PDB file of N, CA and C in Angstrom:
ATOM      1  N   MET A   1      39.068  -3.115 -31.410  1.00  0.00           N
ATOM      2  CA  MET A   1      39.132  -3.098 -29.970  1.00  0.00           C
ATOM      3  C   MET A   1      40.352  -2.338 -29.472  1.00  0.00           C
ATOM      4  N   THR A   2      41.021  -1.633 -30.280  1.00  0.00           N
ATOM      5  CA  THR A   2      42.194  -0.909 -29.823  1.00  0.00           C
ATOM      6  C   THR A   2      41.758   0.311 -29.039  1.00  0.00           C
ATOM      7  N   GLY A   3      42.334   0.480 -27.848  1.00  0.00           N
ATOM      8  CA  GLY A   3      42.026   1.630 -27.012  1.00  0.00           C
ATOM      9  C   GLY A   3      40.688   1.548 -26.302  1.00  0.00           C
ATOM     10  N   GLU A   4      40.030   0.396 -26.348  1.00  0.00           N
ATOM     11  CA  GLU A   4      38.714   0.252 -25.718  1.00  0.00           C
ATOM     12  C   GLU A   4      38.842  -0.632 -24.484  1.00  0.00           C
ATOM     13  N   ILE A   5      38.276  -0.184 -23.383  1.00  0.00           N
ATOM     14  CA  ILE A   5      38.304  -0.962 -22.146  1.00  0.00           C
ATOM     15  C   ILE A   5      37.011  -1.753 -22.056  1.00  0.00           C
ATOM     16  N   LEU A   6      37.149  -3.048 -21.883  1.00  0.00           N
ATOM     17  CA  LEU A   6      35.965  -3.906 -21.808  1.00  0.00           C
ATOM     18  C   LEU A   6      35.508  -4.028 -20.366  1.00  0.00           C
ATOM     19  N   THR A   7      34.238  -3.785 -20.144  1.00  0.00           N
ATOM     20  CA  THR A   7      33.652  -3.936 -18.818  1.00  0.00           C
ATOM     21  C   THR A   7      32.325  -4.653 -18.948  1.00  0.00           C
ATOM     22  N   ASN A   8      31.756  -5.024 -17.801  1.00  0.00           N
ATOM     23  CA  ASN A   8      30.441  -5.648 -17.796  1.00  0.00           C
ATOM     24  C   ASN A   8      29.327  -4.619 -17.897  1.00  0.00           C
ATOM     25  N   ASP A   9      29.658  -3.357 -17.665  1.00  0.00           N
ATOM     26  CA  ASP A   9      28.661  -2.285 -17.721  1.00  0.00           C
ATOM     27  C   ASP A   9      28.405  -1.883 -19.167  1.00  0.00           C
ATOM     28  N   LYS A  10      27.488  -0.953 -19.313  1.00  0.00           N
ATOM     29  CA  LYS A  10      27.190  -0.415 -20.638  1.00  0.00           C
ATOM     30  C   LYS A  10      28.385   0.394 -21.129  1.00  0.00           C
ATOM     31  N   SER A  11      28.476   0.573 -22.416  1.00  0.00           N
ATOM     32  CA  SER A  11      29.564   1.371 -22.963  1.00  0.00           C
ATOM     33  C   SER A  11      29.351   2.830 -22.581  1.00  0.00           C
ATOM     34  N   MET A  12      30.391   3.607 -22.708  1.00  0.00           N
ATOM     35  CA  MET A  12      30.325   5.017 -22.317  1.00  0.00           C
ATOM     36  C   MET A  12      29.293   5.782 -23.145  1.00  0.00           C
ATOM     37  N   SER A  13      29.155   5.462 -24.423  1.00  0.00           N
ATOM     38  CA  SER A  13      28.194   6.178 -25.249  1.00  0.00           C
ATOM     39  C   SER A  13      26.765   5.887 -24.793  1.00  0.00           C
ATOM     40  N   GLU A  14      26.500   4.658 -24.329  1.00  0.00           N
ATOM     41  CA  GLU A  14      25.169   4.323 -23.830  1.00  0.00           C
ATOM     42  C   GLU A  14      24.901   5.034 -22.510  1.00  0.00           C
ATOM     43  N   LYS A  15      25.912   5.166 -21.664  1.00  0.00           N
ATOM     44  CA  LYS A  15      25.731   5.856 -20.384  1.00  0.00           C
ATOM     45  C   LYS A  15      25.442   7.334 -20.604  1.00  0.00           C
ATOM     46  N   ASP A  16      26.117   7.946 -21.601  1.00  0.00           N
ATOM     47  CA  ASP A  16      25.901   9.361 -21.860  1.00  0.00           C
ATOM     48  C   ASP A  16      24.488   9.633 -22.357  1.00  0.00           C
ATOM     49  N   THR A  17      23.934   8.753 -23.174  1.00  0.00           N
ATOM     50  CA  THR A  17      22.592   8.979 -23.690  1.00  0.00           C
ATOM     51  C   THR A  17      21.525   8.706 -22.637  1.00  0.00           C
ATOM     52  N   ASN A  18      21.850   7.863 -21.656  1.00  0.00           N
ATOM     53  CA  ASN A  18      20.888   7.520 -20.612  1.00  0.00           C
ATOM     54  C   ASN A  18      20.783   8.617 -19.558  1.00  0.00           C
ATOM     55  N   ASN A  19      21.802   9.446 -19.392  1.00  0.00           N
ATOM     56  CA  ASN A  19      21.846  10.533 -18.405  1.00  0.00           C
ATOM     57  C   ASN A  19      21.647  10.026 -16.981  1.00  0.00           C
ATOM     58  N   ASP A  20      21.950   8.757 -16.734  1.00  0.00           N
ATOM     59  CA  ASP A  20      21.853   8.163 -15.398  1.00  0.00           C
ATOM     60  C   ASP A  20      20.503   8.404 -14.739  1.00  0.00           C
ATOM     61  N   VAL A  21      19.432   8.255 -15.486  1.00  0.00           N
ATOM     62  CA  VAL A  21      18.083   8.410 -14.963  1.00  0.00           C
ATOM     63  C   VAL A  21      17.734   7.143 -14.192  1.00  0.00           C
ATOM     64  N   PRO A  22      17.413   7.264 -12.904  1.00  0.00           N
ATOM     65  CA  PRO A  22      17.084   6.065 -12.128  1.00  0.00           C
ATOM     66  C   PRO A  22      15.766   5.458 -12.566  1.00  0.00           C
ATOM     67  N   GLU A  23      15.735   4.139 -12.559  1.00  0.00           N
ATOM     68  CA  GLU A  23      14.514   3.426 -12.899  1.00  0.00           C
ATOM     69  C   GLU A  23      13.722   3.161 -11.633  1.00  0.00           C
ATOM     70  N   ALA A  24      12.504   2.655 -11.786  1.00  0.00           N
ATOM     71  CA  ALA A  24      11.644   2.386 -10.638  1.00  0.00           C
ATOM     72  C   ALA A  24      12.266   1.352  -9.710  1.00  0.00           C
ATOM     73  N   LYS A  25      12.950   0.351 -10.277  1.00  0.00           N
ATOM     74  CA  LYS A  25      13.546  -0.683  -9.443  1.00  0.00           C
ATOM     75  C   LYS A  25      14.662  -0.132  -8.560  1.00  0.00           C
ATOM     76  N   ASP A  26      15.286   0.983  -8.962  1.00  0.00           N
ATOM     77  CA  ASP A  26      16.348   1.574  -8.151  1.00  0.00           C
ATOM     78  C   ASP A  26      15.821   2.156  -6.844  1.00  0.00           C
ATOM     79  N   TYR A  27      14.558   2.528  -6.811  1.00  0.00           N
ATOM     80  CA  TYR A  27      13.969   3.112  -5.609  1.00  0.00           C
ATOM     81  C   TYR A  27      13.547   2.055  -4.597  1.00  0.00           C
ATOM     82  N   PHE A  28      13.460   0.812  -5.002  1.00  0.00           N
ATOM     83  CA  PHE A  28      12.969  -0.242  -4.123  1.00  0.00           C
ATOM     84  C   PHE A  28      14.035  -1.279  -3.813  1.00  0.00           C
ATOM     85  N   GLN A  29      15.279  -0.871  -3.716  1.00  0.00           N
ATOM     86  CA  GLN A  29      16.360  -1.774  -3.355  1.00  0.00           C
ATOM     87  C   GLN A  29      16.630  -1.613  -1.861  1.00  0.00           C
ATOM     88  N   PHE A  30      16.192  -2.592  -1.101  1.00  0.00           N
ATOM     89  CA  PHE A  30      16.311  -2.524   0.350  1.00  0.00           C
ATOM     90  C   PHE A  30      17.409  -3.445   0.874  1.00  0.00           C
ATOM     91  N   GLY A  31      18.329  -3.844   0.030  1.00  0.00           N
ATOM     92  CA  GLY A  31      19.385  -4.762   0.436  1.00  0.00           C
ATOM     93  C   GLY A  31      20.253  -4.199   1.551  1.00  0.00           C
ATOM     94  N   GLU A  32      20.625  -2.926   1.457  1.00  0.00           N
ATOM     95  CA  GLU A  32      21.473  -2.329   2.485  1.00  0.00           C
ATOM     96  C   GLU A  32      20.729  -2.183   3.805  1.00  0.00           C
ATOM     97  N   VAL A  33      19.442  -1.852   3.733  1.00  0.00           N
ATOM     98  CA  VAL A  33      18.654  -1.707   4.955  1.00  0.00           C
ATOM     99  C   VAL A  33      18.498  -3.059   5.642  1.00  0.00           C
ATOM    100  N   LEU A  34      18.158  -4.078   4.862  1.00  0.00           N
ATOM    101  CA  LEU A  34      18.004  -5.411   5.448  1.00  0.00           C
ATOM    102  C   LEU A  34      19.338  -5.953   5.935  1.00  0.00           C
ATOM    103  N   GLY A  35      20.410  -5.626   5.241  1.00  0.00           N
ATOM    104  CA  GLY A  35      21.739  -6.036   5.684  1.00  0.00           C
ATOM    105  C   GLY A  35      22.115  -5.404   7.013  1.00  0.00           C
ATOM    106  N   TYR A  36      21.633  -4.203   7.263  1.00  0.00           N
ATOM    107  CA  TYR A  36      21.896  -3.534   8.535  1.00  0.00           C
ATOM    108  C   TYR A  36      21.211  -4.268   9.689  1.00  0.00           C
ATOM    109  N   PHE A  37      20.033  -4.809   9.437  1.00  0.00           N
ATOM    110  CA  PHE A  37      19.293  -5.501  10.488  1.00  0.00           C
ATOM    111  C   PHE A  37      19.788  -6.923  10.715  1.00  0.00           C
ATOM    112  N   PHE A  38      20.253  -7.576   9.684  1.00  0.00           N
ATOM    113  CA  PHE A  38      20.553  -9.004   9.785  1.00  0.00           C
ATOM    114  C   PHE A  38      22.026  -9.335   9.552  1.00  0.00           C
ATOM    115  N   ARG A  39      22.924  -8.419   9.846  1.00  0.00           N
ATOM    116  CA  ARG A  39      24.344  -8.728   9.657  1.00  0.00           C
ATOM    117  C   ARG A  39      24.893  -9.491  10.854  1.00  0.00           C
ATOM    118  N   LYS A  40      25.980 -10.199  10.606  1.00  0.00           N
ATOM    119  CA  LYS A  40      26.613 -10.983  11.666  1.00  0.00           C
ATOM    120  C   LYS A  40      27.446 -10.071  12.554  1.00  0.00           C
ATOM    121  N   LYS A  41      27.618 -10.486  13.780  1.00  0.00           N
ATOM    122  CA  LYS A  41      28.454  -9.737  14.709  1.00  0.00           C
ATOM    123  C   LYS A  41      29.918  -9.929  14.335  1.00  0.00           C
ATOM    124  N   ASN A  42      30.678  -8.863  14.365  1.00  0.00           N
ATOM    125  CA  ASN A  42      32.102  -8.933  14.073  1.00  0.00           C
ATOM    126  C   ASN A  42      32.847  -9.231  15.370  1.00  0.00           C
ATOM    127  N   PRO A  43      33.496 -10.392  15.492  1.00  0.00           N
ATOM    128  CA  PRO A  43      34.179 -10.731  16.754  1.00  0.00           C
ATOM    129  C   PRO A  43      35.405  -9.867  17.017  1.00  0.00           C
ATOM    130  N   ASN A  44      35.949  -9.204  16.000  1.00  0.00           N
ATOM    131  CA  ASN A  44      37.145  -8.370  16.180  1.00  0.00           C
ATOM    132  C   ASN A  44      36.804  -6.968  16.670  1.00  0.00           C
ATOM    133  N   ARG A  45      35.546  -6.587  16.633  1.00  0.00           N
ATOM    134  CA  ARG A  45      35.127  -5.253  17.044  1.00  0.00           C
ATOM    135  C   ARG A  45      34.903  -5.212  18.546  1.00  0.00           C
ATOM    136  N   LYS A  46      35.375  -4.135  19.182  1.00  0.00           N
ATOM    137  CA  LYS A  46      35.167  -3.970  20.621  1.00  0.00           C
ATOM    138  C   LYS A  46      33.691  -3.748  20.914  1.00  0.00           C
ATOM    139  N   SER A  47      33.217  -4.307  22.023  1.00  0.00           N
ATOM    140  CA  SER A  47      31.845  -4.105  22.443  1.00  0.00           C
ATOM    141  C   SER A  47      31.769  -2.846  23.285  1.00  0.00           C
ATOM    142  N   ASN A  48      30.873  -1.942  22.896  1.00  0.00           N
ATOM    143  CA  ASN A  48      30.749  -0.667  23.577  1.00  0.00           C
ATOM    144  C   ASN A  48      29.259  -0.394  23.761  1.00  0.00           C
ATOM    145  N   PHE A  49      28.848  -0.045  24.972  1.00  0.00           N
ATOM    146  CA  PHE A  49      27.435   0.193  25.270  1.00  0.00           C
ATOM    147  C   PHE A  49      26.875   1.332  24.421  1.00  0.00           C
ATOM    148  N   ASN A  50      27.652   2.396  24.247  1.00  0.00           N
ATOM    149  CA  ASN A  50      27.166   3.544  23.475  1.00  0.00           C
ATOM    150  C   ASN A  50      26.885   3.171  22.025  1.00  0.00           C
ATOM    151  N   ILE A  51      27.746   2.359  21.438  1.00  0.00           N
ATOM    152  CA  ILE A  51      27.557   1.929  20.060  1.00  0.00           C
ATOM    153  C   ILE A  51      26.327   1.039  19.945  1.00  0.00           C
ATOM    154  N   LYS A  52      26.134   0.138  20.921  1.00  0.00           N
ATOM    155  CA  LYS A  52      24.961  -0.736  20.905  1.00  0.00           C
ATOM    156  C   LYS A  52      23.676   0.081  20.975  1.00  0.00           C
ATOM    157  N   VAL A  53      23.645   1.085  21.840  1.00  0.00           N
ATOM    158  CA  VAL A  53      22.461   1.932  21.981  1.00  0.00           C
ATOM    159  C   VAL A  53      22.231   2.736  20.709  1.00  0.00           C
ATOM    160  N   MET A  54      23.316   3.255  20.117  1.00  0.00           N
ATOM    161  CA  MET A  54      23.187   4.027  18.886  1.00  0.00           C
ATOM    162  C   MET A  54      22.572   3.179  17.775  1.00  0.00           C
ATOM    163  N   HIS A  55      23.067   1.951  17.608  1.00  0.00           N
ATOM    164  CA  HIS A  55      22.528   1.083  16.567  1.00  0.00           C
ATOM    165  C   HIS A  55      21.086   0.689  16.884  1.00  0.00           C
ATOM    166  N   GLY A  56      20.749   0.510  18.139  1.00  0.00           N
ATOM    167  CA  GLY A  56      19.370   0.208  18.513  1.00  0.00           C
ATOM    168  C   GLY A  56      18.430   1.346  18.159  1.00  0.00           C
ATOM    169  N   ILE A  57      18.841   2.576  18.449  1.00  0.00           N
ATOM    170  CA  ILE A  57      18.025   3.745  18.110  1.00  0.00           C
ATOM    171  C   ILE A  57      17.909   3.899  16.601  1.00  0.00           C
ATOM    172  N   ASN A  58      18.993   3.639  15.870  1.00  0.00           N
ATOM    173  CA  ASN A  58      18.941   3.704  14.405  1.00  0.00           C
ATOM    174  C   ASN A  58      17.951   2.697  13.843  1.00  0.00           C
ATOM    175  N   LYS A  59      17.944   1.481  14.382  1.00  0.00           N
ATOM    176  CA  LYS A  59      17.026   0.455  13.902  1.00  0.00           C
ATOM    177  C   LYS A  59      15.580   0.849  14.184  1.00  0.00           C
ATOM    178  N   ILE A  60      15.325   1.400  15.360  1.00  0.00           N
ATOM    179  CA  ILE A  60      13.975   1.853  15.700  1.00  0.00           C
ATOM    180  C   ILE A  60      13.531   2.974  14.758  1.00  0.00           C
ATOM    181  N   SER A  61      14.417   3.918  14.481  1.00  0.00           N
ATOM    182  CA  SER A  61      14.051   5.034  13.610  1.00  0.00           C
ATOM    183  C   SER A  61      13.808   4.573  12.175  1.00  0.00           C
ATOM    184  N   ILE A  62      14.561   3.595  11.696  1.00  0.00           N
ATOM    185  CA  ILE A  62      14.333   3.067  10.352  1.00  0.00           C
ATOM    186  C   ILE A  62      12.972   2.391  10.285  1.00  0.00           C
ATOM    187  N   ILE A  63      12.631   1.611  11.305  1.00  0.00           N
ATOM    188  CA  ILE A  63      11.342   0.920  11.335  1.00  0.00           C
ATOM    189  C   ILE A  63      10.194   1.923  11.364  1.00  0.00           C
ATOM    190  N   VAL A  64      10.300   2.949  12.211  1.00  0.00           N
ATOM    191  CA  VAL A  64       9.241   3.966  12.302  1.00  0.00           C
ATOM    192  C   VAL A  64       9.106   4.711  10.973  1.00  0.00           C
ATOM    193  N   PHE A  65      10.223   5.032  10.339  1.00  0.00           N
ATOM    194  CA  PHE A  65      10.175   5.711   9.047  1.00  0.00           C
ATOM    195  C   PHE A  65       9.488   4.846   7.999  1.00  0.00           C
ATOM    196  N   LEU A  66       9.835   3.572   7.921  1.00  0.00           N
ATOM    197  CA  LEU A  66       9.217   2.690   6.930  1.00  0.00           C
ATOM    198  C   LEU A  66       7.719   2.514   7.192  1.00  0.00           C
ATOM    199  N   ILE A  67       7.330   2.449   8.464  1.00  0.00           N
ATOM    200  CA  ILE A  67       5.903   2.364   8.792  1.00  0.00           C
ATOM    201  C   ILE A  67       5.185   3.642   8.352  1.00  0.00           C
ATOM    202  N   ALA A  68       5.811   4.802   8.577  1.00  0.00           N
ATOM    203  CA  ALA A  68       5.200   6.067   8.170  1.00  0.00           C
ATOM    204  C   ALA A  68       5.051   6.150   6.659  1.00  0.00           C
ATOM    205  N   VAL A  69       6.046   5.685   5.920  1.00  0.00           N
ATOM    206  CA  VAL A  69       5.954   5.696   4.455  1.00  0.00           C
ATOM    207  C   VAL A  69       4.823   4.790   3.991  1.00  0.00           C
ATOM    208  N   ILE A  70       4.696   3.620   4.606  1.00  0.00           N
ATOM    209  CA  ILE A  70       3.615   2.698   4.245  1.00  0.00           C
ATOM    210  C   ILE A  70       2.254   3.321   4.540  1.00  0.00           C
ATOM    211  N   VAL A  71       2.114   3.971   5.702  1.00  0.00           N
ATOM    212  CA  VAL A  71       0.843   4.621   6.054  1.00  0.00           C
ATOM    213  C   VAL A  71       0.520   5.728   5.058  1.00  0.00           C
ATOM    214  N   LEU A  72       1.513   6.533   4.696  1.00  0.00           N
ATOM    215  CA  LEU A  72       1.266   7.600   3.717  1.00  0.00           C
ATOM    216  C   LEU A  72       0.872   7.033   2.363  1.00  0.00           C
ATOM    217  N   LEU A  73       1.511   5.967   1.943  1.00  0.00           N
ATOM    218  CA  LEU A  73       1.141   5.344   0.665  1.00  0.00           C
ATOM    219  C   LEU A  73      -0.282   4.794   0.710  1.00  0.00           C
ATOM    220  N   ILE A  74      -0.652   4.172   1.815  1.00  0.00           N
ATOM    221  CA  ILE A  74      -2.008   3.635   1.946  1.00  0.00           C
ATOM    222  C   ILE A  74      -3.041   4.761   1.933  1.00  0.00           C
ATOM    223  N   ARG A  75      -2.769   5.850   2.634  1.00  0.00           N
ATOM    224  CA  ARG A  75      -3.693   6.976   2.656  1.00  0.00           C
ATOM    225  C   ARG A  75      -3.832   7.599   1.273  1.00  0.00           C
ATOM    226  N   HIS A  76      -2.724   7.658   0.540  1.00  0.00           N
ATOM    227  CA  HIS A  76      -2.749   8.264  -0.783  1.00  0.00           C
ATOM    228  C   HIS A  76      -3.507   7.385  -1.785  1.00  0.00           C
ATOM    229  N   VAL A  77      -3.374   6.087  -1.666  1.00  0.00           N
ATOM    230  CA  VAL A  77      -4.007   5.173  -2.606  1.00  0.00           C
ATOM    231  C   VAL A  77      -5.494   5.011  -2.297  1.00  0.00           C
ATOM    232  N   PHE A  78      -5.849   4.924  -1.033  1.00  0.00           N
ATOM    233  CA  PHE A  78      -7.248   4.675  -0.670  1.00  0.00           C
ATOM    234  C   PHE A  78      -7.866   5.948  -0.229  1.00  0.00           C
TER     235      PHE A  78
END
């Protein structure tokens, strides 16, 4: 173990052979998207109308995009 750093991740030799190829589960991680919709309000942040509108438009665009992806998948499968 001399000169070796222990981590919870794979060893460096395993990472090099894997070439960081994403798996199928990596494409379906929606934690950040759901966190954007259901996060708590920060009481230390100033309330600004422009920021509220921007986040509202972002949420609408994410929803429309996800609906479009679902429709395309349904059309492709059926």
